[in-house]
């Protein structure tokens, strides 16, 4: 079995930041839990942006193929594939709103700078 890294979603895109992983990352990096949570949420938002970009590019490709064919059944098949990718892009966009809400005001609110596990 091979995994196509261009079309497969990575774990961070599918799931929101894991609090246990955030705590572990904070300890390993010697930063506060808050700093690690913000970093993880930013990585999640970036992964979502990239996945949305991939899905819309795939949809555009299928739409182009559908428009270039003259057979109605083939055109319908290409447009069905495009719709699947557009639906996934819409779902990911809704999740991206959640990531944006998590990151709202992180640049202006004070963040605890104390390391999680001081050495």
PDB file of N, CA and C in Angstrom:
ATOM      1  N   UNK A   1       0.841  -1.179   0.000  1.00  0.00           N
ATOM      2  CA  UNK A   1       0.000   0.000   0.000  1.00  0.00           C
ATOM      3  C   UNK A   1       0.890   1.247   0.000  1.00  0.00           C
ATOM      4  N   UNK A   2       0.610   2.157  -0.897  1.00  0.00           N
ATOM      5  CA  UNK A   2       1.359   3.406  -0.936  1.00  0.00           C
ATOM      6  C   UNK A   2       0.446   4.547  -0.516  1.00  0.00           C
ATOM      7  N   UNK A   3       1.047   5.551   0.044  1.00  0.00           N
ATOM      8  CA  UNK A   3       0.295   6.729   0.464  1.00  0.00           C
ATOM      9  C   UNK A   3       0.706   7.887  -0.417  1.00  0.00           C
ATOM     10  N   UNK A   4      -0.257   8.482  -1.065  1.00  0.00           N
ATOM     11  CA  UNK A   4      -0.010   9.658  -1.893  1.00  0.00           C
ATOM     12  C   UNK A   4      -0.023  10.865  -0.973  1.00  0.00           C
ATOM     13  N   UNK A   5       1.144  11.417  -0.697  1.00  0.00           N
ATOM     14  CA  UNK A   5       1.226  12.528   0.257  1.00  0.00           C
ATOM     15  C   UNK A   5       0.607  13.805  -0.286  1.00  0.00           C
ATOM     16  N   UNK A   6       0.339  13.850  -1.581  1.00  0.00           N
ATOM     17  CA  UNK A   6      -0.285  15.051  -2.127  1.00  0.00           C
ATOM     18  C   UNK A   6      -1.776  15.071  -1.834  1.00  0.00           C
ATOM     19  N   UNK A   7      -2.419  13.910  -1.906  1.00  0.00           N
ATOM     20  CA  UNK A   7      -3.870  13.892  -1.733  1.00  0.00           C
ATOM     21  C   UNK A   7      -4.311  13.391  -0.367  1.00  0.00           C
ATOM     22  N   UNK A   8      -3.452  12.691   0.365  1.00  0.00           N
ATOM     23  CA  UNK A   8      -3.834  12.187   1.679  1.00  0.00           C
ATOM     24  C   UNK A   8      -3.727  13.302   2.716  1.00  0.00           C
ATOM     25  N   UNK A   9      -4.702  13.349   3.600  1.00  0.00           N
ATOM     26  CA  UNK A   9      -4.671  14.334   4.680  1.00  0.00           C
ATOM     27  C   UNK A   9      -3.774  13.818   5.790  1.00  0.00           C
ATOM     28  N   UNK A  10      -2.992  14.708   6.374  1.00  0.00           N
ATOM     29  CA  UNK A  10      -2.161  14.268   7.484  1.00  0.00           C
ATOM     30  C   UNK A  10      -2.962  14.317   8.782  1.00  0.00           C
ATOM     31  N   UNK A  11      -2.420  13.694   9.814  1.00  0.00           N
ATOM     32  CA  UNK A  11      -3.140  13.573  11.079  1.00  0.00           C
ATOM     33  C   UNK A  11      -3.478  14.932  11.674  1.00  0.00           C
ATOM     34  N   UNK A  12      -2.593  15.910  11.523  1.00  0.00           N
ATOM     35  CA  UNK A  12      -2.847  17.218  12.107  1.00  0.00           C
ATOM     36  C   UNK A  12      -4.015  17.918  11.427  1.00  0.00           C
ATOM     37  N   UNK A  13      -4.218  17.647  10.140  1.00  0.00           N
ATOM     38  CA  UNK A  13      -5.341  18.252   9.432  1.00  0.00           C
ATOM     39  C   UNK A  13      -6.657  17.650   9.900  1.00  0.00           C
ATOM     40  N   UNK A  14      -6.648  16.348  10.127  1.00  0.00           N
ATOM     41  CA  UNK A  14      -7.875  15.646  10.485  1.00  0.00           C
ATOM     42  C   UNK A  14      -8.289  15.947  11.921  1.00  0.00           C
ATOM     43  N   UNK A  15      -7.342  16.030  12.817  1.00  0.00           N
ATOM     44  CA  UNK A  15      -7.653  16.211  14.237  1.00  0.00           C
ATOM     45  C   UNK A  15      -7.084  17.523  14.752  1.00  0.00           C
ATOM     46  N   UNK A  16      -7.795  18.097  15.685  1.00  0.00           N
ATOM     47  CA  UNK A  16      -7.336  19.324  16.336  1.00  0.00           C
ATOM     48  C   UNK A  16      -6.137  18.993  17.229  1.00  0.00           C
ATOM     49  N   UNK A  17      -5.439  20.006  17.694  1.00  0.00           N
ATOM     50  CA  UNK A  17      -4.295  19.749  18.577  1.00  0.00           C
ATOM     51  C   UNK A  17      -4.686  18.886  19.778  1.00  0.00           C
ATOM     52  N   UNK A  18      -3.845  17.921  20.081  1.00  0.00           N
ATOM     53  CA  UNK A  18      -4.045  16.999  21.184  1.00  0.00           C
ATOM     54  C   UNK A  18      -3.388  17.597  22.427  1.00  0.00           C
ATOM     55  N   UNK A  19      -4.158  17.753  23.493  1.00  0.00           N
ATOM     56  CA  UNK A  19      -3.636  18.427  24.687  1.00  0.00           C
ATOM     57  C   UNK A  19      -2.471  17.680  25.329  1.00  0.00           C
ATOM     58  N   UNK A  20      -2.512  16.349  25.295  1.00  0.00           N
ATOM     59  CA  UNK A  20      -1.397  15.585  25.856  1.00  0.00           C
ATOM     60  C   UNK A  20      -0.134  15.813  25.023  1.00  0.00           C
ATOM     61  N   UNK A  21      -0.288  15.849  23.712  1.00  0.00           N
ATOM     62  CA  UNK A  21       0.862  16.098  22.834  1.00  0.00           C
ATOM     63  C   UNK A  21       1.385  17.517  23.025  1.00  0.00           C
ATOM     64  N   UNK A  22       0.484  18.457  23.244  1.00  0.00           N
ATOM     65  CA  UNK A  22       0.897  19.844  23.479  1.00  0.00           C
ATOM     66  C   UNK A  22       1.710  19.932  24.764  1.00  0.00           C
ATOM     67  N   UNK A  23       1.242  19.257  25.807  1.00  0.00           N
ATOM     68  CA  UNK A  23       1.970  19.275  27.089  1.00  0.00           C
ATOM     69  C   UNK A  23       3.349  18.643  26.919  1.00  0.00           C
ATOM     70  N   UNK A  24       3.427  17.529  26.180  1.00  0.00           N
ATOM     71  CA  UNK A  24       4.707  16.878  25.955  1.00  0.00           C
ATOM     72  C   UNK A  24       5.641  17.781  25.147  1.00  0.00           C
ATOM     73  N   UNK A  25       5.091  18.435  24.106  1.00  0.00           N
ATOM     74  CA  UNK A  25       5.891  19.338  23.285  1.00  0.00           C
ATOM     75  C   UNK A  25       6.422  20.494  24.121  1.00  0.00           C
ATOM     76  N   UNK A  26       5.588  21.019  25.017  1.00  0.00           N
ATOM     77  CA  UNK A  26       6.014  22.115  25.885  1.00  0.00           C
ATOM     78  C   UNK A  26       7.175  21.677  26.767  1.00  0.00           C
ATOM     79  N   UNK A  27       7.072  20.484  27.330  1.00  0.00           N
ATOM     80  CA  UNK A  27       8.145  19.980  28.185  1.00  0.00           C
ATOM     81  C   UNK A  27       9.439  19.758  27.420  1.00  0.00           C
ATOM     82  N   UNK A  28       9.332  19.202  26.223  1.00  0.00           N
ATOM     83  CA  UNK A  28      10.528  18.934  25.426  1.00  0.00           C
ATOM     84  C   UNK A  28      11.205  20.214  24.954  1.00  0.00           C
ATOM     85  N   UNK A  29      10.408  21.207  24.631  1.00  0.00           N
ATOM     86  CA  UNK A  29      10.966  22.469  24.130  1.00  0.00           C
ATOM     87  C   UNK A  29      11.309  23.451  25.242  1.00  0.00           C
ATOM     88  N   UNK A  30      10.863  23.136  26.450  1.00  0.00           N
ATOM     89  CA  UNK A  30      11.134  24.037  27.568  1.00  0.00           C
ATOM     90  C   UNK A  30      10.356  25.340  27.477  1.00  0.00           C
ATOM     91  N   UNK A  31       9.138  25.268  26.954  1.00  0.00           N
ATOM     92  CA  UNK A  31       8.269  26.446  26.841  1.00  0.00           C
ATOM     93  C   UNK A  31       6.993  26.198  27.625  1.00  0.00           C
ATOM     94  N   UNK A  32       6.210  27.233  27.807  1.00  0.00           N
ATOM     95  CA  UNK A  32       4.963  27.088  28.561  1.00  0.00           C
ATOM     96  C   UNK A  32       3.926  26.331  27.735  1.00  0.00           C
ATOM     97  N   UNK A  33       2.949  25.775  28.442  1.00  0.00           N
ATOM     98  CA  UNK A  33       1.849  25.069  27.782  1.00  0.00           C
ATOM     99  C   UNK A  33       1.133  26.009  26.816  1.00  0.00           C
ATOM    100  N   UNK A  34       0.935  27.255  27.239  1.00  0.00           N
ATOM    101  CA  UNK A  34       0.241  28.229  26.388  1.00  0.00           C
ATOM    102  C   UNK A  34       0.996  28.478  25.081  1.00  0.00           C
ATOM    103  N   UNK A  35       2.300  28.631  25.186  1.00  0.00           N
ATOM    104  CA  UNK A  35       3.107  28.847  23.983  1.00  0.00           C
ATOM    105  C   UNK A  35       3.036  27.631  23.060  1.00  0.00           C
ATOM    106  N   UNK A  36       3.103  26.443  23.649  1.00  0.00           N
ATOM    107  CA  UNK A  36       3.030  25.214  22.852  1.00  0.00           C
ATOM    108  C   UNK A  36       1.655  25.062  22.207  1.00  0.00           C
ATOM    109  N   UNK A  37       0.604  25.427  22.917  1.00  0.00           N
ATOM    110  CA  UNK A  37      -0.755  25.328  22.369  1.00  0.00           C
ATOM    111  C   UNK A  37      -0.921  26.279  21.186  1.00  0.00           C
ATOM    112  N   UNK A  38      -0.402  27.477  21.309  1.00  0.00           N
ATOM    113  CA  UNK A  38      -0.482  28.437  20.207  1.00  0.00           C
ATOM    114  C   UNK A  38       0.303  27.923  19.001  1.00  0.00           C
ATOM    115  N   UNK A  39       1.496  27.396  19.248  1.00  0.00           N
ATOM    116  CA  UNK A  39       2.305  26.860  18.146  1.00  0.00           C
ATOM    117  C   UNK A  39       1.594  25.704  17.456  1.00  0.00           C
ATOM    118  N   UNK A  40       0.990  24.819  18.245  1.00  0.00           N
ATOM    119  CA  UNK A  40       0.274  23.672  17.671  1.00  0.00           C
ATOM    120  C   UNK A  40      -0.960  24.124  16.891  1.00  0.00           C
ATOM    121  N   UNK A  41      -1.678  25.105  17.409  1.00  0.00           N
ATOM    122  CA  UNK A  41      -2.855  25.622  16.695  1.00  0.00           C
ATOM    123  C   UNK A  41      -2.447  26.303  15.393  1.00  0.00           C
ATOM    124  N   UNK A  42      -1.310  27.002  15.409  1.00  0.00           N
ATOM    125  CA  UNK A  42      -0.820  27.629  14.174  1.00  0.00           C
ATOM    126  C   UNK A  42      -0.430  26.579  13.142  1.00  0.00           C
ATOM    127  N   UNK A  43       0.208  25.492  13.591  1.00  0.00           N
ATOM    128  CA  UNK A  43       0.562  24.401  12.679  1.00  0.00           C
ATOM    129  C   UNK A  43      -0.689  23.742  12.113  1.00  0.00           C
ATOM    130  N   UNK A  44      -1.706  23.581  12.952  1.00  0.00           N
ATOM    131  CA  UNK A  44      -2.980  22.999  12.524  1.00  0.00           C
ATOM    132  C   UNK A  44      -3.621  23.882  11.470  1.00  0.00           C
ATOM    133  N   UNK A  45      -3.659  25.191  11.709  1.00  0.00           N
ATOM    134  CA  UNK A  45      -4.256  26.126  10.748  1.00  0.00           C
ATOM    135  C   UNK A  45      -3.509  26.072   9.413  1.00  0.00           C
ATOM    136  N   UNK A  46      -2.196  25.987   9.466  1.00  0.00           N
ATOM    137  CA  UNK A  46      -1.397  25.900   8.241  1.00  0.00           C
ATOM    138  C   UNK A  46      -1.689  24.599   7.499  1.00  0.00           C
ATOM    139  N   UNK A  47      -1.780  23.493   8.234  1.00  0.00           N
ATOM    140  CA  UNK A  47      -2.093  22.201   7.609  1.00  0.00           C
ATOM    141  C   UNK A  47      -3.480  22.245   6.958  1.00  0.00           C
ATOM    142  N   UNK A  48      -4.421  22.890   7.614  1.00  0.00           N
ATOM    143  CA  UNK A  48      -5.765  23.031   7.031  1.00  0.00           C
ATOM    144  C   UNK A  48      -5.726  23.884   5.775  1.00  0.00           C
ATOM    145  N   UNK A  49      -4.987  24.996   5.804  1.00  0.00           N
ATOM    146  CA  UNK A  49      -4.859  25.851   4.621  1.00  0.00           C
ATOM    147  C   UNK A  49      -4.295  25.070   3.437  1.00  0.00           C
ATOM    148  N   UNK A  50      -3.269  24.267   3.705  1.00  0.00           N
ATOM    149  CA  UNK A  50      -2.646  23.478   2.642  1.00  0.00           C
ATOM    150  C   UNK A  50      -3.610  22.424   2.097  1.00  0.00           C
ATOM    151  N   UNK A  51      -4.373  21.796   2.978  1.00  0.00           N
ATOM    152  CA  UNK A  51      -5.341  20.785   2.540  1.00  0.00           C
ATOM    153  C   UNK A  51      -6.464  21.413   1.717  1.00  0.00           C
ATOM    154  N   UNK A  52      -6.909  22.590   2.118  1.00  0.00           N
ATOM    155  CA  UNK A  52      -7.944  23.298   1.354  1.00  0.00           C
ATOM    156  C   UNK A  52      -7.420  23.643  -0.028  1.00  0.00           C
ATOM    157  N   UNK A  53      -6.179  24.098  -0.086  1.00  0.00           N
ATOM    158  CA  UNK A  53      -5.545  24.427  -1.363  1.00  0.00           C
ATOM    159  C   UNK A  53      -5.478  23.202  -2.278  1.00  0.00           C
ATOM    160  N   UNK A  54      -5.084  22.059  -1.705  1.00  0.00           N
ATOM    161  CA  UNK A  54      -5.003  20.824  -2.506  1.00  0.00           C
ATOM    162  C   UNK A  54      -6.371  20.406  -3.029  1.00  0.00           C
ATOM    163  N   UNK A  55      -7.382  20.477  -2.169  1.00  0.00           N
ATOM    164  CA  UNK A  55      -8.726  20.057  -2.575  1.00  0.00           C
ATOM    165  C   UNK A  55      -9.289  20.957  -3.678  1.00  0.00           C
ATOM    166  N   UNK A  56      -9.074  22.248  -3.560  1.00  0.00           N
ATOM    167  CA  UNK A  56      -9.597  23.151  -4.599  1.00  0.00           C
ATOM    168  C   UNK A  56      -8.831  22.984  -5.905  1.00  0.00           C
ATOM    169  N   UNK A  57      -7.528  22.688  -5.823  1.00  0.00           N
ATOM    170  CA  UNK A  57      -6.755  22.435  -7.046  1.00  0.00           C
ATOM    171  C   UNK A  57      -7.244  21.164  -7.734  1.00  0.00           C
ATOM    172  N   UNK A  58      -7.531  20.135  -6.948  1.00  0.00           N
ATOM    173  CA  UNK A  58      -8.066  18.900  -7.515  1.00  0.00           C
ATOM    174  C   UNK A  58      -9.424  19.157  -8.170  1.00  0.00           C
ATOM    175  N   UNK A  59     -10.280  19.913  -7.500  1.00  0.00           N
ATOM    176  CA  UNK A  59     -11.599  20.224  -8.062  1.00  0.00           C
ATOM    177  C   UNK A  59     -11.459  20.976  -9.375  1.00  0.00           C
ATOM    178  N   UNK A  60     -10.547  21.938  -9.416  1.00  0.00           N
ATOM    179  CA  UNK A  60     -10.335  22.712 -10.644  1.00  0.00           C
ATOM    180  C   UNK A  60      -9.872  21.820 -11.787  1.00  0.00           C
ATOM    181  N   UNK A  61      -9.004  20.854 -11.463  1.00  0.00           N
ATOM    182  CA  UNK A  61      -8.518  19.933 -12.491  1.00  0.00           C
ATOM    183  C   UNK A  61      -9.674  19.117 -13.060  1.00  0.00           C
ATOM    184  N   UNK A  62     -10.549  18.600 -12.192  1.00  0.00           N
ATOM    185  CA  UNK A  62     -11.683  17.804 -12.661  1.00  0.00           C
ATOM    186  C   UNK A  62     -12.679  18.657 -13.446  1.00  0.00           C
ATOM    187  N   UNK A  63     -12.863  19.891 -13.030  1.00  0.00           N
ATOM    188  CA  UNK A  63     -13.763  20.776 -13.778  1.00  0.00           C
ATOM    189  C   UNK A  63     -13.209  21.022 -15.176  1.00  0.00           C
ATOM    190  N   UNK A  64     -11.901  21.274 -15.265  1.00  0.00           N
ATOM    191  CA  UNK A  64     -11.271  21.468 -16.588  1.00  0.00           C
ATOM    192  C   UNK A  64     -11.451  20.244 -17.464  1.00  0.00           C
ATOM    193  N   UNK A  65     -11.240  19.060 -16.893  1.00  0.00           N
ATOM    194  CA  UNK A  65     -11.422  17.830 -17.671  1.00  0.00           C
ATOM    195  C   UNK A  65     -12.866  17.677 -18.123  1.00  0.00           C
ATOM    196  N   UNK A  66     -13.790  18.016 -17.229  1.00  0.00           N
ATOM    197  CA  UNK A  66     -15.210  17.921 -17.576  1.00  0.00           C
ATOM    198  C   UNK A  66     -15.602  18.870 -18.686  1.00  0.00           C
ATOM    199  N   UNK A  67     -15.028  20.048 -18.667  1.00  0.00           N
ATOM    200  CA  UNK A  67     -15.350  21.035 -19.690  1.00  0.00           C
ATOM    201  C   UNK A  67     -14.707  20.707 -21.030  1.00  0.00           C
ATOM    202  N   UNK A  68     -13.627  19.927 -21.015  1.00  0.00           N
ATOM    203  CA  UNK A  68     -12.932  19.632 -22.267  1.00  0.00           C
ATOM    204  C   UNK A  68     -13.474  18.395 -22.973  1.00  0.00           C
ATOM    205  N   UNK A  69     -14.349  17.644 -22.336  1.00  0.00           N
ATOM    206  CA  UNK A  69     -14.904  16.445 -22.970  1.00  0.00           C
ATOM    207  C   UNK A  69     -16.266  16.761 -23.588  1.00  0.00           C
ATOM    208  N   UNK A  70     -16.612  16.007 -24.615  1.00  0.00           N
ATOM    209  CA  UNK A  70     -17.906  16.242 -25.287  1.00  0.00           C
ATOM    210  C   UNK A  70     -18.945  15.209 -24.909  1.00  0.00           C
ATOM    211  N   UNK A  71     -18.520  14.100 -24.323  1.00  0.00           N
ATOM    212  CA  UNK A  71     -19.474  13.050 -23.954  1.00  0.00           C
ATOM    213  C   UNK A  71     -20.167  13.430 -22.646  1.00  0.00           C
ATOM    214  N   UNK A  72     -21.504  13.472 -22.646  1.00  0.00           N
ATOM    215  CA  UNK A  72     -22.231  13.920 -21.449  1.00  0.00           C
ATOM    216  C   UNK A  72     -21.975  13.057 -20.204  1.00  0.00           C
ATOM    217  N   UNK A  73     -21.861  11.749 -20.385  1.00  0.00           N
ATOM    218  CA  UNK A  73     -21.627  10.879 -19.213  1.00  0.00           C
ATOM    219  C   UNK A  73     -20.249  11.131 -18.608  1.00  0.00           C
ATOM    220  N   UNK A  74     -19.271  11.316 -19.466  1.00  0.00           N
ATOM    221  CA  UNK A  74     -17.919  11.591 -18.970  1.00  0.00           C
ATOM    222  C   UNK A  74     -17.868  12.957 -18.292  1.00  0.00           C
ATOM    223  N   UNK A  75     -18.569  13.920 -18.872  1.00  0.00           N
ATOM    224  CA  UNK A  75     -18.620  15.253 -18.263  1.00  0.00           C
ATOM    225  C   UNK A  75     -19.256  15.175 -16.871  1.00  0.00           C
ATOM    226  N   UNK A  76     -20.342  14.424 -16.759  1.00  0.00           N
ATOM    227  CA  UNK A  76     -21.011  14.272 -15.459  1.00  0.00           C
ATOM    228  C   UNK A  76     -20.088  13.594 -14.449  1.00  0.00           C
ATOM    229  N   UNK A  77     -19.326  12.600 -14.896  1.00  0.00           N
ATOM    230  CA  UNK A  77     -18.405  11.899 -13.996  1.00  0.00           C
ATOM    231  C   UNK A  77     -17.322  12.840 -13.484  1.00  0.00           C
ATOM    232  N   UNK A  78     -16.745  13.656 -14.373  1.00  0.00           N
ATOM    233  CA  UNK A  78     -15.706  14.609 -13.954  1.00  0.00           C
ATOM    234  C   UNK A  78     -16.280  15.634 -12.982  1.00  0.00           C
ATOM    235  N   UNK A  79     -17.482  16.089 -13.258  1.00  0.00           N
ATOM    236  CA  UNK A  79     -18.091  17.086 -12.365  1.00  0.00           C
ATOM    237  C   UNK A  79     -18.460  16.479 -11.017  1.00  0.00           C
ATOM    238  N   UNK A  80     -18.824  15.196 -10.997  1.00  0.00           N
ATOM    239  CA  UNK A  80     -19.092  14.512  -9.725  1.00  0.00           C
ATOM    240  C   UNK A  80     -17.818  14.460  -8.873  1.00  0.00           C
ATOM    241  N   UNK A  81     -16.700  14.129  -9.519  1.00  0.00           N
ATOM    242  CA  UNK A  81     -15.420  14.112  -8.805  1.00  0.00           C
ATOM    243  C   UNK A  81     -15.070  15.503  -8.280  1.00  0.00           C
ATOM    244  N   UNK A  82     -15.303  16.520  -9.097  1.00  0.00           N
ATOM    245  CA  UNK A  82     -15.021  17.894  -8.668  1.00  0.00           C
ATOM    246  C   UNK A  82     -15.873  18.260  -7.460  1.00  0.00           C
ATOM    247  N   UNK A  83     -17.123  17.848  -7.469  1.00  0.00           N
ATOM    248  CA  UNK A  83     -18.034  18.144  -6.358  1.00  0.00           C
ATOM    249  C   UNK A  83     -17.536  17.515  -5.061  1.00  0.00           C
ATOM    250  N   UNK A  84     -17.016  16.291  -5.137  1.00  0.00           N
ATOM    251  CA  UNK A  84     -16.481  15.635  -3.940  1.00  0.00           C
ATOM    252  C   UNK A  84     -15.339  16.461  -3.337  1.00  0.00           C
ATOM    253  N   UNK A  85     -14.462  16.956  -4.192  1.00  0.00           N
ATOM    254  CA  UNK A  85     -13.329  17.752  -3.698  1.00  0.00           C
ATOM    255  C   UNK A  85     -13.796  19.110  -3.166  1.00  0.00           C
ATOM    256  N   UNK A  86     -14.769  19.708  -3.817  1.00  0.00           N
ATOM    257  CA  UNK A  86     -15.297  20.986  -3.321  1.00  0.00           C
ATOM    258  C   UNK A  86     -16.012  20.807  -1.984  1.00  0.00           C
ATOM    259  N   UNK A  87     -16.723  19.685  -1.823  1.00  0.00           N
ATOM    260  CA  UNK A  87     -17.373  19.402  -0.540  1.00  0.00           C
ATOM    261  C   UNK A  87     -16.340  19.247   0.577  1.00  0.00           C
ATOM    262  N   UNK A  88     -15.241  18.547   0.268  1.00  0.00           N
ATOM    263  CA  UNK A  88     -14.185  18.379   1.271  1.00  0.00           C
ATOM    264  C   UNK A  88     -13.526  19.714   1.592  1.00  0.00           C
ATOM    265  N   UNK A  89     -13.319  20.542   0.581  1.00  0.00           N
ATOM    266  CA  UNK A  89     -12.741  21.874   0.812  1.00  0.00           C
ATOM    267  C   UNK A  89     -13.665  22.705   1.698  1.00  0.00           C
ATOM    268  N   UNK A  90     -14.953  22.591   1.481  1.00  0.00           N
ATOM    269  CA  UNK A  90     -15.915  23.330   2.317  1.00  0.00           C
ATOM    270  C   UNK A  90     -15.880  22.827   3.753  1.00  0.00           C
ATOM    271  N   UNK A  91     -15.797  21.508   3.939  1.00  0.00           N
ATOM    272  CA  UNK A  91     -15.730  20.944   5.292  1.00  0.00           C
ATOM    273  C   UNK A  91     -14.460  21.410   6.001  1.00  0.00           C
ATOM    274  N   UNK A  92     -13.348  21.362   5.283  1.00  0.00           N
ATOM    275  CA  UNK A  92     -12.086  21.813   5.867  1.00  0.00           C
ATOM    276  C   UNK A  92     -12.110  23.309   6.171  1.00  0.00           C
ATOM    277  N   UNK A  93     -12.790  24.081   5.345  1.00  0.00           N
ATOM    278  CA  UNK A  93     -12.914  25.526   5.591  1.00  0.00           C
ATOM    279  C   UNK A  93     -13.687  25.792   6.873  1.00  0.00           C
ATOM    280  N   UNK A  94     -14.710  24.991   7.130  1.00  0.00           N
ATOM    281  CA  UNK A  94     -15.468  25.139   8.381  1.00  0.00           C
ATOM    282  C   UNK A  94     -14.593  24.807   9.585  1.00  0.00           C
ATOM    283  N   UNK A  95     -13.749  23.792   9.450  1.00  0.00           N
ATOM    284  CA  UNK A  95     -12.823  23.444  10.532  1.00  0.00           C
ATOM    285  C   UNK A  95     -11.787  24.557  10.699  1.00  0.00           C
ATOM    286  N   UNK A  96     -11.376  25.160   9.593  1.00  0.00           N
ATOM    287  CA  UNK A  96     -10.386  26.242   9.634  1.00  0.00           C
ATOM    288  C   UNK A  96     -10.904  27.431  10.439  1.00  0.00           C
ATOM    289  N   UNK A  97     -12.215  27.646  10.402  1.00  0.00           N
ATOM    290  CA  UNK A  97     -12.824  28.713  11.203  1.00  0.00           C
ATOM    291  C   UNK A  97     -12.586  28.436  12.694  1.00  0.00           C
ATOM    292  N   UNK A  98     -12.664  27.184  13.081  1.00  0.00           N
ATOM    293  CA  UNK A  98     -12.420  26.819  14.481  1.00  0.00           C
ATOM    294  C   UNK A  98     -10.966  27.135  14.845  1.00  0.00           C
ATOM    295  N   UNK A  99     -10.047  26.792  13.945  1.00  0.00           N
ATOM    296  CA  UNK A  99      -8.628  27.102  14.197  1.00  0.00           C
ATOM    297  C   UNK A  99      -8.426  28.613  14.323  1.00  0.00           C
ATOM    298  N   UNK A 100      -9.092  29.368  13.478  1.00  0.00           N
ATOM    299  CA  UNK A 100      -8.974  30.830  13.545  1.00  0.00           C
ATOM    300  C   UNK A 100      -9.516  31.358  14.869  1.00  0.00           C
ATOM    301  N   UNK A 101     -10.612  30.791  15.342  1.00  0.00           N
ATOM    302  CA  UNK A 101     -11.173  31.217  16.631  1.00  0.00           C
ATOM    303  C   UNK A 101     -10.211  30.894  17.777  1.00  0.00           C
ATOM    304  N   UNK A 102      -9.549  29.738  17.688  1.00  0.00           N
ATOM    305  CA  UNK A 102      -8.579  29.371  18.735  1.00  0.00           C
ATOM    306  C   UNK A 102      -7.407  30.344  18.760  1.00  0.00           C
ATOM    307  N   UNK A 103      -7.061  30.876  17.592  1.00  0.00           N
ATOM    308  CA  UNK A 103      -5.910  31.775  17.498  1.00  0.00           C
ATOM    309  C   UNK A 103      -6.275  33.250  17.646  1.00  0.00           C
ATOM    310  N   UNK A 104      -7.560  33.541  17.752  1.00  0.00           N
ATOM    311  CA  UNK A 104      -7.991  34.938  17.869  1.00  0.00           C
ATOM    312  C   UNK A 104      -7.355  35.585  19.097  1.00  0.00           C
ATOM    313  N   UNK A 105      -6.801  36.745  18.908  1.00  0.00           N
ATOM    314  CA  UNK A 105      -6.210  37.554  19.977  1.00  0.00           C
ATOM    315  C   UNK A 105      -4.964  36.945  20.615  1.00  0.00           C
ATOM    316  N   UNK A 106      -4.367  35.937  20.009  1.00  0.00           N
ATOM    317  CA  UNK A 106      -3.150  35.377  20.613  1.00  0.00           C
ATOM    318  C   UNK A 106      -1.989  36.356  20.524  1.00  0.00           C
ATOM    319  N   UNK A 107      -2.074  37.272  19.583  1.00  0.00           N
ATOM    320  CA  UNK A 107      -0.995  38.248  19.449  1.00  0.00           C
ATOM    321  C   UNK A 107      -1.120  39.393  20.446  1.00  0.00           C
ATOM    322  N   UNK A 108      -2.298  39.598  21.021  1.00  0.00           N
ATOM    323  CA  UNK A 108      -2.485  40.715  21.944  1.00  0.00           C
ATOM    324  C   UNK A 108      -2.680  40.281  23.389  1.00  0.00           C
ATOM    325  N   UNK A 109      -3.135  39.049  23.628  1.00  0.00           N
ATOM    326  CA  UNK A 109      -3.346  38.582  24.999  1.00  0.00           C
ATOM    327  C   UNK A 109      -2.038  38.107  25.604  1.00  0.00           C
ATOM    328  N   UNK A 110      -1.844  38.371  26.903  1.00  0.00           N
ATOM    329  CA  UNK A 110      -0.608  37.911  27.534  1.00  0.00           C
ATOM    330  C   UNK A 110      -0.575  36.371  27.592  1.00  0.00           C
ATOM    331  N   UNK A 111       0.594  35.832  27.369  1.00  0.00           N
ATOM    332  CA  UNK A 111       0.777  34.371  27.378  1.00  0.00           C
ATOM    333  C   UNK A 111       1.746  34.032  28.508  1.00  0.00           C
ATOM    334  N   UNK A 112       1.417  32.986  29.241  1.00  0.00           N
ATOM    335  CA  UNK A 112       2.292  32.508  30.301  1.00  0.00           C
ATOM    336  C   UNK A 112       3.603  32.042  29.678  1.00  0.00           C
ATOM    337  N   UNK A 113       4.722  32.654  30.087  1.00  0.00           N
ATOM    338  CA  UNK A 113       6.023  32.346  29.516  1.00  0.00           C
ATOM    339  C   UNK A 113       6.799  31.311  30.328  1.00  0.00           C
ATOM    340  N   UNK A 114       6.269  30.911  31.490  1.00  0.00           N
ATOM    341  CA  UNK A 114       7.000  29.978  32.355  1.00  0.00           C
ATOM    342  C   UNK A 114       7.043  28.594  31.717  1.00  0.00           C
ATOM    343  N   UNK A 115       8.223  27.974  31.665  1.00  0.00           N
ATOM    344  CA  UNK A 115       8.315  26.634  31.075  1.00  0.00           C
ATOM    345  C   UNK A 115       7.450  25.633  31.823  1.00  0.00           C
ATOM    346  N   UNK A 116       6.922  24.656  31.112  1.00  0.00           N
ATOM    347  CA  UNK A 116       6.096  23.631  31.733  1.00  0.00           C
ATOM    348  C   UNK A 116       6.912  22.772  32.689  1.00  0.00           C
ATOM    349  N   UNK A 117       8.087  22.360  32.254  1.00  0.00           N
ATOM    350  CA  UNK A 117       8.978  21.558  33.092  1.00  0.00           C
ATOM    351  C   UNK A 117      10.311  22.286  33.234  1.00  0.00           C
ATOM    352  N   UNK A 118      10.416  23.234  34.177  1.00  0.00           N
ATOM    353  CA  UNK A 118      11.684  23.941  34.334  1.00  0.00           C
ATOM    354  C   UNK A 118      12.792  22.963  34.704  1.00  0.00           C
ATOM    355  N   UNK A 119      13.961  23.208  34.133  1.00  0.00           N
ATOM    356  CA  UNK A 119      15.092  22.279  34.364  1.00  0.00           C
ATOM    357  C   UNK A 119      15.887  22.675  35.551  1.00  0.00           C
TER     358      UNK A 119
END
